[in-house]
PDB file of N, CA and C in Angstrom:
ATOM      1  N   MET A   1       6.649  -3.618 -18.558  1.00  0.00           N
ATOM      2  CA  MET A   1       6.872  -2.382 -17.800  1.00  0.00           C
ATOM      3  C   MET A   1       6.013  -1.293 -18.595  1.00  0.00           C
ATOM      4  N   LYS A   2       5.169  -0.632 -17.878  1.00  0.00           N
ATOM      5  CA  LYS A   2       4.337   0.426 -18.426  1.00  0.00           C
ATOM      6  C   LYS A   2       4.858   1.793 -17.866  1.00  0.00           C
ATOM      7  N   ASN A   3       5.290   2.664 -18.854  1.00  0.00           N
ATOM      8  CA  ASN A   3       5.867   3.929 -18.561  1.00  0.00           C
ATOM      9  C   ASN A   3       4.703   4.974 -18.355  1.00  0.00           C
ATOM     10  N   LYS A   4       4.702   5.767 -17.233  1.00  0.00           N
ATOM     11  CA  LYS A   4       3.720   6.731 -17.092  1.00  0.00           C
ATOM     12  C   LYS A   4       3.595   7.705 -18.153  1.00  0.00           C
ATOM     13  N   THR A   5       4.853   8.243 -18.643  1.00  0.00           N
ATOM     14  CA  THR A   5       4.773   9.246 -19.563  1.00  0.00           C
ATOM     15  C   THR A   5       4.078   8.809 -20.877  1.00  0.00           C
ATOM     16  N   VAL A   6       4.507   7.683 -21.328  1.00  0.00           N
ATOM     17  CA  VAL A   6       3.846   7.052 -22.450  1.00  0.00           C
ATOM     18  C   VAL A   6       2.423   6.875 -22.334  1.00  0.00           C
ATOM     19  N   ALA A   7       2.000   6.441 -21.104  1.00  0.00           N
ATOM     20  CA  ALA A   7       0.534   6.270 -20.874  1.00  0.00           C
ATOM     21  C   ALA A   7      -0.263   7.598 -20.982  1.00  0.00           C
ATOM     22  N   VAL A   8       0.494   8.680 -20.336  1.00  0.00           N
ATOM     23  CA  VAL A   8      -0.254  10.000 -20.278  1.00  0.00           C
ATOM     24  C   VAL A   8      -0.481  10.501 -21.738  1.00  0.00           C
ATOM     25  N   TRP A   9       0.623  10.333 -22.543  1.00  0.00           N
ATOM     26  CA  TRP A   9       0.451  10.969 -23.922  1.00  0.00           C
ATOM     27  C   TRP A   9      -0.450  10.114 -24.800  1.00  0.00           C
ATOM     28  N   LEU A  10      -0.437   8.741 -24.642  1.00  0.00           N
ATOM     29  CA  LEU A  10      -1.365   7.898 -25.330  1.00  0.00           C
ATOM     30  C   LEU A  10      -2.732   8.266 -24.950  1.00  0.00           C
ATOM     31  N   THR A  11      -2.998   8.492 -23.691  1.00  0.00           N
ATOM     32  CA  THR A  11      -4.347   8.836 -23.239  1.00  0.00           C
ATOM     33  C   THR A  11      -4.796  10.122 -23.823  1.00  0.00           C
ATOM     34  N   LEU A  12      -3.938  11.036 -23.864  1.00  0.00           N
ATOM     35  CA  LEU A  12      -4.243  12.324 -24.357  1.00  0.00           C
ATOM     36  C   LEU A  12      -4.479  12.357 -25.859  1.00  0.00           C
ATOM     37  N   VAL A  13      -3.652  11.698 -26.597  1.00  0.00           N
ATOM     38  CA  VAL A  13      -3.811  11.750 -28.017  1.00  0.00           C
ATOM     39  C   VAL A  13      -4.820  10.694 -28.584  1.00  0.00           C
ATOM     40  N   THR A  14      -4.856   9.554 -28.091  1.00  0.00           N
ATOM     41  CA  THR A  14      -5.687   8.456 -28.614  1.00  0.00           C
ATOM     42  C   THR A  14      -6.693   7.930 -27.703  1.00  0.00           C
ATOM     43  N   GLY A  15      -6.927   8.743 -26.566  1.00  0.00           N
ATOM     44  CA  GLY A  15      -7.776   8.337 -25.484  1.00  0.00           C
ATOM     45  C   GLY A  15      -9.167   8.166 -26.005  1.00  0.00           C
ATOM     46  N   PRO A  16      -9.787   9.054 -26.801  1.00  0.00           N
ATOM     47  CA  PRO A  16     -11.178   8.769 -27.356  1.00  0.00           C
ATOM     48  C   PRO A  16     -11.338   7.431 -28.060  1.00  0.00           C
ATOM     49  N   LEU A  17     -10.227   6.936 -28.626  1.00  0.00           N
ATOM     50  CA  LEU A  17     -10.306   5.592 -29.292  1.00  0.00           C
ATOM     51  C   LEU A  17     -10.105   4.472 -28.384  1.00  0.00           C
ATOM     52  N   GLY A  18      -9.700   4.651 -27.162  1.00  0.00           N
ATOM     53  CA  GLY A  18      -9.431   3.662 -26.218  1.00  0.00           C
ATOM     54  C   GLY A  18      -8.115   2.922 -26.334  1.00  0.00           C
ATOM     55  N   LEU A  19      -7.182   3.447 -27.041  1.00  0.00           N
ATOM     56  CA  LEU A  19      -5.936   2.755 -27.403  1.00  0.00           C
ATOM     57  C   LEU A  19      -5.003   2.799 -26.155  1.00  0.00           C
ATOM     58  N   HIS A  20      -5.198   3.711 -25.230  1.00  0.00           N
ATOM     59  CA  HIS A  20      -4.423   3.783 -24.013  1.00  0.00           C
ATOM     60  C   HIS A  20      -4.719   2.463 -23.148  1.00  0.00           C
ATOM     61  N   ARG A  21      -5.924   2.115 -23.216  1.00  0.00           N
ATOM     62  CA  ARG A  21      -6.351   0.904 -22.453  1.00  0.00           C
ATOM     63  C   ARG A  21      -5.611  -0.375 -22.973  1.00  0.00           C
ATOM     64  N   LEU A  22      -5.409  -0.415 -24.283  1.00  0.00           N
ATOM     65  CA  LEU A  22      -4.715  -1.467 -24.992  1.00  0.00           C
ATOM     66  C   LEU A  22      -3.206  -1.519 -24.448  1.00  0.00           C
ATOM     67  N   TYR A  23      -2.608  -0.367 -24.198  1.00  0.00           N
ATOM     68  CA  TYR A  23      -1.247  -0.309 -23.686  1.00  0.00           C
ATOM     69  C   TYR A  23      -1.172  -0.725 -22.273  1.00  0.00           C
ATOM     70  N   LEU A  24      -2.116  -0.094 -21.513  1.00  0.00           N
ATOM     71  CA  LEU A  24      -2.090  -0.430 -20.052  1.00  0.00           C
ATOM     72  C   LEU A  24      -2.581  -1.773 -19.677  1.00  0.00           C
ATOM     73  N   GLN A  25      -3.617  -2.310 -20.300  1.00  0.00           N
ATOM     74  CA  GLN A  25      -4.235  -3.572 -19.888  1.00  0.00           C
ATOM     75  C   GLN A  25      -3.808  -4.708 -20.780  1.00  0.00           C
ATOM     76  N   ARG A  26      -3.156  -4.511 -21.905  1.00  0.00           N
ATOM     77  CA  ARG A  26      -2.721  -5.476 -22.766  1.00  0.00           C
ATOM     78  C   ARG A  26      -3.849  -6.277 -23.572  1.00  0.00           C
ATOM     79  N   ARG A  27      -5.011  -5.661 -23.470  1.00  0.00           N
ATOM     80  CA  ARG A  27      -6.235  -6.158 -24.148  1.00  0.00           C
ATOM     81  C   ARG A  27      -7.183  -4.944 -24.418  1.00  0.00           C
ATOM     82  N   PHE A  28      -8.046  -5.195 -25.337  1.00  0.00           N
ATOM     83  CA  PHE A  28      -9.035  -4.144 -25.667  1.00  0.00           C
ATOM     84  C   PHE A  28     -10.384  -4.504 -24.773  1.00  0.00           C
ATOM     85  N   ASP A  29     -10.550  -4.004 -23.586  1.00  0.00           N
ATOM     86  CA  ASP A  29     -11.588  -4.406 -22.760  1.00  0.00           C
ATOM     87  C   ASP A  29     -12.913  -3.561 -23.041  1.00  0.00           C
ATOM     88  N   GLY A  30     -13.902  -3.816 -22.119  1.00  0.00           N
ATOM     89  CA  GLY A  30     -15.174  -3.230 -22.234  1.00  0.00           C
ATOM     90  C   GLY A  30     -15.078  -1.732 -22.179  1.00  0.00           C
ATOM     91  N   LEU A  31     -14.261  -1.195 -21.285  1.00  0.00           N
ATOM     92  CA  LEU A  31     -14.086   0.211 -21.178  1.00  0.00           C
ATOM     93  C   LEU A  31     -13.579   0.885 -22.480  1.00  0.00           C
ATOM     94  N   SER A  32     -12.741   0.247 -23.099  1.00  0.00           N
ATOM     95  CA  SER A  32     -12.293   0.662 -24.387  1.00  0.00           C
ATOM     96  C   SER A  32     -13.378   0.778 -25.394  1.00  0.00           C
ATOM     97  N   TRP A  33     -14.271  -0.136 -25.399  1.00  0.00           N
ATOM     98  CA  TRP A  33     -15.328  -0.100 -26.328  1.00  0.00           C
ATOM     99  C   TRP A  33     -16.365   1.064 -25.848  1.00  0.00           C
ATOM    100  N   LEU A  34     -16.469   1.223 -24.583  1.00  0.00           N
ATOM    101  CA  LEU A  34     -17.406   2.284 -24.127  1.00  0.00           C
ATOM    102  C   LEU A  34     -16.850   3.650 -24.437  1.00  0.00           C
ATOM    103  N   LEU A  35     -15.473   3.838 -24.552  1.00  0.00           N
ATOM    104  CA  LEU A  35     -14.928   4.998 -25.022  1.00  0.00           C
ATOM    105  C   LEU A  35     -15.026   5.309 -26.587  1.00  0.00           C
ATOM    106  N   LEU A  36     -15.071   4.157 -27.338  1.00  0.00           N
ATOM    107  CA  LEU A  36     -15.027   4.191 -28.719  1.00  0.00           C
ATOM    108  C   LEU A  36     -16.570   4.599 -29.218  1.00  0.00           C
ATOM    109  N   VAL A  37     -17.502   4.155 -28.563  1.00  0.00           N
ATOM    110  CA  VAL A  37     -18.917   4.303 -29.066  1.00  0.00           C
ATOM    111  C   VAL A  37     -19.223   5.847 -29.083  1.00  0.00           C
ATOM    112  N   PRO A  38     -19.078   6.560 -27.980  1.00  0.00           N
ATOM    113  CA  PRO A  38     -19.459   8.036 -28.015  1.00  0.00           C
ATOM    114  C   PRO A  38     -18.593   8.863 -29.048  1.00  0.00           C
ATOM    115  N   THR A  39     -17.309   8.331 -29.375  1.00  0.00           N
ATOM    116  CA  THR A  39     -16.443   8.984 -30.224  1.00  0.00           C
ATOM    117  C   THR A  39     -16.942   8.792 -31.517  1.00  0.00           C
ATOM    118  N   LEU A  40     -17.384   7.545 -31.922  1.00  0.00           N
ATOM    119  CA  LEU A  40     -17.931   7.440 -33.232  1.00  0.00           C
ATOM    120  C   LEU A  40     -19.227   8.035 -33.472  1.00  0.00           C
ATOM    121  N   ILE A  41     -20.046   8.083 -32.452  1.00  0.00           N
ATOM    122  CA  ILE A  41     -21.462   8.867 -32.553  1.00  0.00           C
ATOM    123  C   ILE A  41     -21.112  10.322 -32.750  1.00  0.00           C
ATOM    124  N   GLY A  42     -20.236  10.910 -31.962  1.00  0.00           N
ATOM    125  CA  GLY A  42     -20.016  12.338 -32.160  1.00  0.00           C
ATOM    126  C   GLY A  42     -19.321  12.653 -33.569  1.00  0.00           C
ATOM    127  N   THR A  43     -18.477  11.718 -34.000  1.00  0.00           N
ATOM    128  CA  THR A  43     -17.723  11.920 -35.257  1.00  0.00           C
ATOM    129  C   THR A  43     -18.894  11.864 -36.436  1.00  0.00           C
ATOM    130  N   TYR A  44     -19.837  10.995 -36.293  1.00  0.00           N
ATOM    131  CA  TYR A  44     -21.035  10.864 -37.245  1.00  0.00           C
ATOM    132  C   TYR A  44     -21.737  12.203 -37.174  1.00  0.00           C
ATOM    133  N   GLY A  45     -21.932  12.824 -36.037  1.00  0.00           N
ATOM    134  CA  GLY A  45     -22.643  14.136 -35.867  1.00  0.00           C
ATOM    135  C   GLY A  45     -21.868  15.146 -36.646  1.00  0.00           C
ATOM    136  N   VAL A  46     -20.497  15.183 -36.431  1.00  0.00           N
ATOM    137  CA  VAL A  46     -19.660  16.280 -37.184  1.00  0.00           C
ATOM    138  C   VAL A  46     -19.813  15.932 -38.631  1.00  0.00           C
ATOM    139  N   LEU A  47     -19.782  14.797 -39.159  1.00  0.00           N
ATOM    140  CA  LEU A  47     -19.809  14.467 -40.606  1.00  0.00           C
ATOM    141  C   LEU A  47     -21.266  14.973 -41.136  1.00  0.00           C
ATOM    142  N   ARG A  48     -22.319  14.704 -40.262  1.00  0.00           N
ATOM    143  CA  ARG A  48     -23.588  15.185 -40.740  1.00  0.00           C
ATOM    144  C   ARG A  48     -23.705  16.618 -40.790  1.00  0.00           C
ATOM    145  N   ALA A  49     -23.162  17.390 -39.899  1.00  0.00           N
ATOM    146  CA  ALA A  49     -23.124  18.840 -39.911  1.00  0.00           C
ATOM    147  C   ALA A  49     -22.316  19.286 -41.057  1.00  0.00           C
ATOM    148  N   ARG A  50     -21.262  18.774 -41.455  1.00  0.00           N
ATOM    149  CA  ARG A  50     -20.478  19.211 -42.650  1.00  0.00           C
ATOM    150  C   ARG A  50     -21.287  18.911 -43.952  1.00  0.00           C
ATOM    151  N   GLU A  51     -22.052  17.792 -43.953  1.00  0.00           N
ATOM    152  CA  GLU A  51     -22.768  17.562 -45.254  1.00  0.00           C
ATOM    153  C   GLU A  51     -23.993  18.187 -45.356  1.00  0.00           C
ATOM    154  N   ASN A  52     -24.818  18.273 -44.141  1.00  0.00           N
ATOM    155  CA  ASN A  52     -26.147  18.914 -44.208  1.00  0.00           C
ATOM    156  C   ASN A  52     -26.294  20.306 -43.665  1.00  0.00           C
ATOM    157  N   GLY A  53     -25.056  20.861 -43.234  1.00  0.00           N
ATOM    158  CA  GLY A  53     -25.113  22.198 -42.726  1.00  0.00           C
ATOM    159  C   GLY A  53     -25.537  22.335 -41.353  1.00  0.00           C
ATOM    160  N   LEU A  54     -25.408  23.440 -40.775  1.00  0.00           N
ATOM    161  CA  LEU A  54     -25.601  23.600 -39.286  1.00  0.00           C
ATOM    162  C   LEU A  54     -27.087  23.656 -38.957  1.00  0.00           C
ATOM    163  N   ASP A  55     -27.924  23.476 -39.893  1.00  0.00           N
ATOM    164  CA  ASP A  55     -29.436  23.512 -39.597  1.00  0.00           C
ATOM    165  C   ASP A  55     -29.878  22.064 -39.203  1.00  0.00           C
ATOM    166  N   ASP A  56     -28.967  21.103 -39.324  1.00  0.00           N
ATOM    167  CA  ASP A  56     -29.398  19.709 -39.024  1.00  0.00           C
ATOM    168  C   ASP A  56     -29.378  19.499 -37.461  1.00  0.00           C
ATOM    169  N   HIS A  57     -30.558  19.310 -37.039  1.00  0.00           N
ATOM    170  CA  HIS A  57     -30.823  19.209 -35.539  1.00  0.00           C
ATOM    171  C   HIS A  57     -30.170  17.933 -35.085  1.00  0.00           C
ATOM    172  N   LEU A  58     -30.236  16.867 -35.690  1.00  0.00           N
ATOM    173  CA  LEU A  58     -29.754  15.561 -35.218  1.00  0.00           C
ATOM    174  C   LEU A  58     -28.092  15.812 -34.905  1.00  0.00           C
ATOM    175  N   SER A  59     -27.431  16.452 -35.837  1.00  0.00           N
ATOM    176  CA  SER A  59     -26.042  16.625 -35.676  1.00  0.00           C
ATOM    177  C   SER A  59     -25.726  17.293 -34.408  1.00  0.00           C
ATOM    178  N   TRP A  60     -26.539  18.311 -34.006  1.00  0.00           N
ATOM    179  CA  TRP A  60     -26.331  19.078 -32.768  1.00  0.00           C
ATOM    180  C   TRP A  60     -26.484  18.133 -31.483  1.00  0.00           C
ATOM    181  N   LEU A  61     -27.357  17.071 -31.694  1.00  0.00           N
ATOM    182  CA  LEU A  61     -27.490  16.155 -30.472  1.00  0.00           C
ATOM    183  C   LEU A  61     -26.377  15.090 -30.568  1.00  0.00           C
ATOM    184  N   LEU A  62     -25.721  14.883 -31.675  1.00  0.00           N
ATOM    185  CA  LEU A  62     -24.681  13.827 -31.690  1.00  0.00           C
ATOM    186  C   LEU A  62     -23.213  14.400 -31.470  1.00  0.00           C
ATOM    187  N   ILE A  63     -23.005  15.630 -31.829  1.00  0.00           N
ATOM    188  CA  ILE A  63     -21.635  16.291 -31.637  1.00  0.00           C
ATOM    189  C   ILE A  63     -21.203  16.245 -30.205  1.00  0.00           C
ATOM    190  N   PRO A  64     -22.025  16.530 -29.252  1.00  0.00           N
ATOM    191  CA  PRO A  64     -21.393  16.639 -27.755  1.00  0.00           C
ATOM    192  C   PRO A  64     -20.903  15.353 -27.318  1.00  0.00           C
ATOM    193  N   TRP A  65     -21.141  14.175 -27.889  1.00  0.00           N
ATOM    194  CA  TRP A  65     -20.653  12.909 -27.504  1.00  0.00           C
ATOM    195  C   TRP A  65     -19.206  12.695 -27.687  1.00  0.00           C
ATOM    196  N   VAL A  66     -18.698  13.325 -28.834  1.00  0.00           N
ATOM    197  CA  VAL A  66     -17.272  13.263 -29.050  1.00  0.00           C
ATOM    198  C   VAL A  66     -16.533  14.184 -28.028  1.00  0.00           C
ATOM    199  N   GLY A  67     -17.225  15.336 -27.692  1.00  0.00           N
ATOM    200  CA  GLY A  67     -16.610  16.111 -26.675  1.00  0.00           C
ATOM    201  C   GLY A  67     -16.544  15.483 -25.312  1.00  0.00           C
ATOM    202  N   LEU A  68     -17.581  14.731 -24.955  1.00  0.00           N
ATOM    203  CA  LEU A  68     -17.576  14.039 -23.714  1.00  0.00           C
ATOM    204  C   LEU A  68     -16.466  12.942 -23.626  1.00  0.00           C
ATOM    205  N   SER A  69     -16.277  12.317 -24.748  1.00  0.00           N
ATOM    206  CA  SER A  69     -15.182  11.333 -24.771  1.00  0.00           C
ATOM    207  C   SER A  69     -13.785  12.071 -24.766  1.00  0.00           C
ATOM    208  N   VAL A  70     -13.648  13.111 -25.364  1.00  0.00           N
ATOM    209  CA  VAL A  70     -12.282  13.831 -25.250  1.00  0.00           C
ATOM    210  C   VAL A  70     -12.084  14.333 -23.944  1.00  0.00           C
ATOM    211  N   ALA A  71     -13.217  14.934 -23.259  1.00  0.00           N
ATOM    212  CA  ALA A  71     -13.021  15.406 -21.860  1.00  0.00           C
ATOM    213  C   ALA A  71     -12.705  14.251 -20.963  1.00  0.00           C
ATOM    214  N   ALA A  72     -13.355  13.080 -21.054  1.00  0.00           N
ATOM    215  CA  ALA A  72     -13.154  11.990 -20.157  1.00  0.00           C
ATOM    216  C   ALA A  72     -11.683  11.498 -20.317  1.00  0.00           C
ATOM    217  N   SER A  73     -11.119  11.434 -21.623  1.00  0.00           N
ATOM    218  CA  SER A  73      -9.757  11.028 -21.790  1.00  0.00           C
ATOM    219  C   SER A  73      -8.784  12.057 -21.306  1.00  0.00           C
ATOM    220  N   SER A  74      -9.078  13.251 -21.428  1.00  0.00           N
ATOM    221  CA  SER A  74      -8.245  14.296 -20.823  1.00  0.00           C
ATOM    222  C   SER A  74      -8.117  14.246 -19.366  1.00  0.00           C
ATOM    223  N   LEU A  75      -9.238  14.087 -18.735  1.00  0.00           N
ATOM    224  CA  LEU A  75      -9.300  13.869 -17.240  1.00  0.00           C
ATOM    225  C   LEU A  75      -8.457  12.596 -16.863  1.00  0.00           C
ATOM    226  N   THR A  76      -8.625  11.434 -17.553  1.00  0.00           N
ATOM    227  CA  THR A  76      -7.883  10.313 -17.275  1.00  0.00           C
ATOM    228  C   THR A  76      -6.291  10.576 -17.396  1.00  0.00           C
ATOM    229  N   ALA A  77      -5.976  11.330 -18.517  1.00  0.00           N
ATOM    230  CA  ALA A  77      -4.499  11.630 -18.636  1.00  0.00           C
ATOM    231  C   ALA A  77      -4.011  12.418 -17.426  1.00  0.00           C
ATOM    232  N   ILE A  78      -4.797  13.381 -16.859  1.00  0.00           N
ATOM    233  CA  ILE A  78      -4.448  14.099 -15.792  1.00  0.00           C
ATOM    234  C   ILE A  78      -4.312  13.232 -14.548  1.00  0.00           C
ATOM    235  N   VAL A  79      -5.191  12.333 -14.258  1.00  0.00           N
ATOM    236  CA  VAL A  79      -5.178  11.398 -13.147  1.00  0.00           C
ATOM    237  C   VAL A  79      -3.853  10.549 -13.250  1.00  0.00           C
ATOM    238  N   TYR A  80      -3.666   9.934 -14.442  1.00  0.00           N
ATOM    239  CA  TYR A  80      -2.406   9.172 -14.588  1.00  0.00           C
ATOM    240  C   TYR A  80      -1.129  10.009 -14.374  1.00  0.00           C
ATOM    241  N   GLY A  81      -1.077  11.194 -14.965  1.00  0.00           N
ATOM    242  CA  GLY A  81       0.072  12.061 -14.692  1.00  0.00           C
ATOM    243  C   GLY A  81       0.316  12.384 -13.362  1.00  0.00           C
ATOM    244  N   LEU A  82      -0.653  12.637 -12.554  1.00  0.00           N
ATOM    245  CA  LEU A  82      -0.478  13.054 -11.161  1.00  0.00           C
ATOM    246  C   LEU A  82      -0.486  11.900 -10.121  1.00  0.00           C
ATOM    247  N   MET A  83      -0.549  10.703 -10.532  1.00  0.00           N
ATOM    248  CA  MET A  83      -0.509   9.595  -9.769  1.00  0.00           C
ATOM    249  C   MET A  83       0.900   9.422  -9.213  1.00  0.00           C
ATOM    250  N   GLU A  84       0.950   9.148  -7.910  1.00  0.00           N
ATOM    251  CA  GLU A  84       2.262   8.833  -7.224  1.00  0.00           C
ATOM    252  C   GLU A  84       2.971   7.631  -7.910  1.00  0.00           C
ATOM    253  N   THR A  85       4.246   7.586  -7.762  1.00  0.00           N
ATOM    254  CA  THR A  85       5.112   6.496  -8.354  1.00  0.00           C
ATOM    255  C   THR A  85       4.781   5.215  -7.784  1.00  0.00           C
ATOM    256  N   GLU A  86       4.695   5.148  -6.496  1.00  0.00           N
ATOM    257  CA  GLU A  86       4.373   3.850  -5.833  1.00  0.00           C
ATOM    258  C   GLU A  86       2.937   3.353  -6.210  1.00  0.00           C
ATOM    259  N   LYS A  87       2.045   4.165  -6.323  1.00  0.00           N
ATOM    260  CA  LYS A  87       0.689   3.779  -6.686  1.00  0.00           C
ATOM    261  C   LYS A  87       0.684   3.428  -8.149  1.00  0.00           C
ATOM    262  N   TRP A  88       1.386   4.029  -9.074  1.00  0.00           N
ATOM    263  CA  TRP A  88       1.391   3.692 -10.360  1.00  0.00           C
ATOM    264  C   TRP A  88       2.019   2.280 -10.574  1.00  0.00           C
ATOM    265  N   ASN A  89       3.100   2.138  -9.909  1.00  0.00           N
ATOM    266  CA  ASN A  89       3.813   0.844  -9.946  1.00  0.00           C
ATOM    267  C   ASN A  89       3.041  -0.303  -9.311  1.00  0.00           C
ATOM    268  N   ALA A  90       2.337  -0.011  -8.291  1.00  0.00           N
ATOM    269  CA  ALA A  90       1.372  -1.120  -7.691  1.00  0.00           C
ATOM    270  C   ALA A  90       0.229  -1.449  -8.603  1.00  0.00           C
ATOM    271  N   ARG A  91      -0.159  -0.506  -9.378  1.00  0.00           N
ATOM    272  CA  ARG A  91      -1.395  -0.708 -10.278  1.00  0.00           C
ATOM    273  C   ARG A  91      -0.953  -1.365 -11.634  1.00  0.00           C
ATOM    274  N   PHE A  92       0.174  -0.912 -12.215  1.00  0.00           N
ATOM    275  CA  PHE A  92       0.500  -1.234 -13.566  1.00  0.00           C
ATOM    276  C   PHE A  92       1.772  -1.963 -13.769  1.00  0.00           C
ATOM    277  N   ASN A  93       2.623  -1.889 -12.767  1.00  0.00           N
ATOM    278  CA  ASN A  93       3.931  -2.681 -12.792  1.00  0.00           C
ATOM    279  C   ASN A  93       4.138  -3.462 -11.510  1.00  0.00           C
ATOM    280  N   GLN A  94       3.261  -4.498 -11.384  1.00  0.00           N
ATOM    281  CA  GLN A  94       3.361  -5.186 -10.052  1.00  0.00           C
ATOM    282  C   GLN A  94       4.558  -5.974  -9.932  1.00  0.00           C
ATOM    283  N   ASN A  95       5.310  -6.411 -11.016  1.00  0.00           N
ATOM    284  CA  ASN A  95       6.519  -7.123 -10.805  1.00  0.00           C
ATOM    285  C   ASN A  95       7.802  -6.162 -10.606  1.00  0.00           C
ATOM    286  N   LEU A  96       7.601  -4.874 -10.537  1.00  0.00           N
ATOM    287  CA  LEU A  96       8.810  -4.006 -10.386  1.00  0.00           C
ATOM    288  C   LEU A  96       8.692  -3.427  -8.916  1.00  0.00           C
ATOM    289  N   PRO A  97       9.823  -3.001  -8.353  1.00  0.00           N
ATOM    290  CA  PRO A  97       9.795  -2.292  -7.014  1.00  0.00           C
ATOM    291  C   PRO A  97       9.010  -1.036  -7.105  1.00  0.00           C
ATOM    292  N   ALA A  98       8.412  -0.654  -5.859  1.00  0.00           N
ATOM    293  CA  ALA A  98       7.551   0.389  -5.759  1.00  0.00           C
ATOM    294  C   ALA A  98       8.174   1.725  -6.201  1.00  0.00           C
ATOM    295  N   GLU A  99       9.502   1.843  -6.108  1.00  0.00           N
ATOM    296  CA  GLU A  99      10.139   3.121  -6.426  1.00  0.00           C
ATOM    297  C   GLU A  99      10.705   3.110  -7.869  1.00  0.00           C
ATOM    298  N   SER A 100      10.353   2.106  -8.695  1.00  0.00           N
ATOM    299  CA  SER A 100      11.022   2.031 -10.026  1.00  0.00           C
ATOM    300  C   SER A 100      10.631   3.261 -10.872  1.00  0.00           C
ATOM    301  N   GLY A 101      11.557   3.511 -11.646  1.00  0.00           N
ATOM    302  CA  GLY A 101      11.544   4.710 -12.673  1.00  0.00           C
ATOM    303  C   GLY A 101      10.360   4.698 -13.564  1.00  0.00           C
ATOM    304  N   ALA A 102       9.882   3.576 -13.866  1.00  0.00           N
ATOM    305  CA  ALA A 102       8.689   3.553 -14.858  1.00  0.00           C
ATOM    306  C   ALA A 102       7.541   4.385 -14.450  1.00  0.00           C
ATOM    307  N   GLY A 103       7.290   4.429 -13.157  1.00  0.00           N
ATOM    308  CA  GLY A 103       6.105   5.192 -12.660  1.00  0.00           C
ATOM    309  C   GLY A 103       6.424   6.602 -12.278  1.00  0.00           C
ATOM    310  N   ALA A 104       7.701   7.029 -12.612  1.00  0.00           N
ATOM    311  CA  ALA A 104       8.045   8.344 -12.140  1.00  0.00           C
ATOM    312  C   ALA A 104       7.622   9.439 -13.213  1.00  0.00           C
ATOM    313  N   SER A 105       7.389  10.621 -12.648  1.00  0.00           N
ATOM    314  CA  SER A 105       6.947  11.798 -13.451  1.00  0.00           C
ATOM    315  C   SER A 105       8.163  12.566 -13.895  1.00  0.00           C
ATOM    316  N   ASP A 106       8.211  12.935 -15.094  1.00  0.00           N
ATOM    317  CA  ASP A 106       9.274  13.887 -15.624  1.00  0.00           C
ATOM    318  C   ASP A 106       8.618  15.022 -16.290  1.00  0.00           C
ATOM    319  N   TRP A 107       9.296  15.931 -17.012  1.00  0.00           N
ATOM    320  CA  TRP A 107       8.883  17.007 -17.649  1.00  0.00           C
ATOM    321  C   TRP A 107       7.863  16.768 -18.723  1.00  0.00           C
ATOM    322  N   LEU A 108       8.116  15.668 -19.470  1.00  0.00           N
ATOM    323  CA  LEU A 108       7.186  15.337 -20.525  1.00  0.00           C
ATOM    324  C   LEU A 108       5.793  14.869 -19.985  1.00  0.00           C
ATOM    325  N   THR A 109       5.935  14.216 -18.743  1.00  0.00           N
ATOM    326  CA  THR A 109       4.592  13.787 -18.150  1.00  0.00           C
ATOM    327  C   THR A 109       3.823  15.022 -17.760  1.00  0.00           C
ATOM    328  N   ILE A 110       4.513  15.955 -17.153  1.00  0.00           N
ATOM    329  CA  ILE A 110       3.772  17.094 -16.674  1.00  0.00           C
ATOM    330  C   ILE A 110       3.307  17.956 -17.906  1.00  0.00           C
ATOM    331  N   GLY A 111       4.128  17.908 -18.989  1.00  0.00           N
ATOM    332  CA  GLY A 111       3.713  18.522 -20.178  1.00  0.00           C
ATOM    333  C   GLY A 111       2.289  18.022 -20.760  1.00  0.00           C
ATOM    334  N   GLY A 112       2.180  16.648 -20.571  1.00  0.00           N
ATOM    335  CA  GLY A 112       0.969  16.134 -21.014  1.00  0.00           C
ATOM    336  C   GLY A 112      -0.181  16.425 -20.152  1.00  0.00           C
ATOM    337  N   VAL A 113       0.067  16.600 -18.861  1.00  0.00           N
ATOM    338  CA  VAL A 113      -0.989  16.890 -17.941  1.00  0.00           C
ATOM    339  C   VAL A 113      -1.416  18.367 -18.151  1.00  0.00           C
ATOM    340  N   VAL A 114      -0.490  19.244 -18.427  1.00  0.00           N
ATOM    341  CA  VAL A 114      -0.821  20.595 -18.666  1.00  0.00           C
ATOM    342  C   VAL A 114      -1.422  20.802 -20.038  1.00  0.00           C
TER     343      VAL A 114
END
């Protein structure tokens, strides 16, 4: 049973690392790796900027990649949080009834979306 609130907060907090995909899919799939690569590239850019200063032009090309990864994960958290209960359960909880509480939104879910 995959809880929507847990998925939203995992996506928001650990989304750039792809760990929310591990929770939802029970495996580390290709999209997880695609999220991890720009995160690592951007993190390397941040480390270069801290070491070499702001005059390092390569770091300015690398840093936006981590921002792209964070933005994509934030958008995914919003999509998960606003997904209807029936659609959530049909996608992630196939063995549960469509109206099951695992896919319901509560205040913690909306807090993650906001």
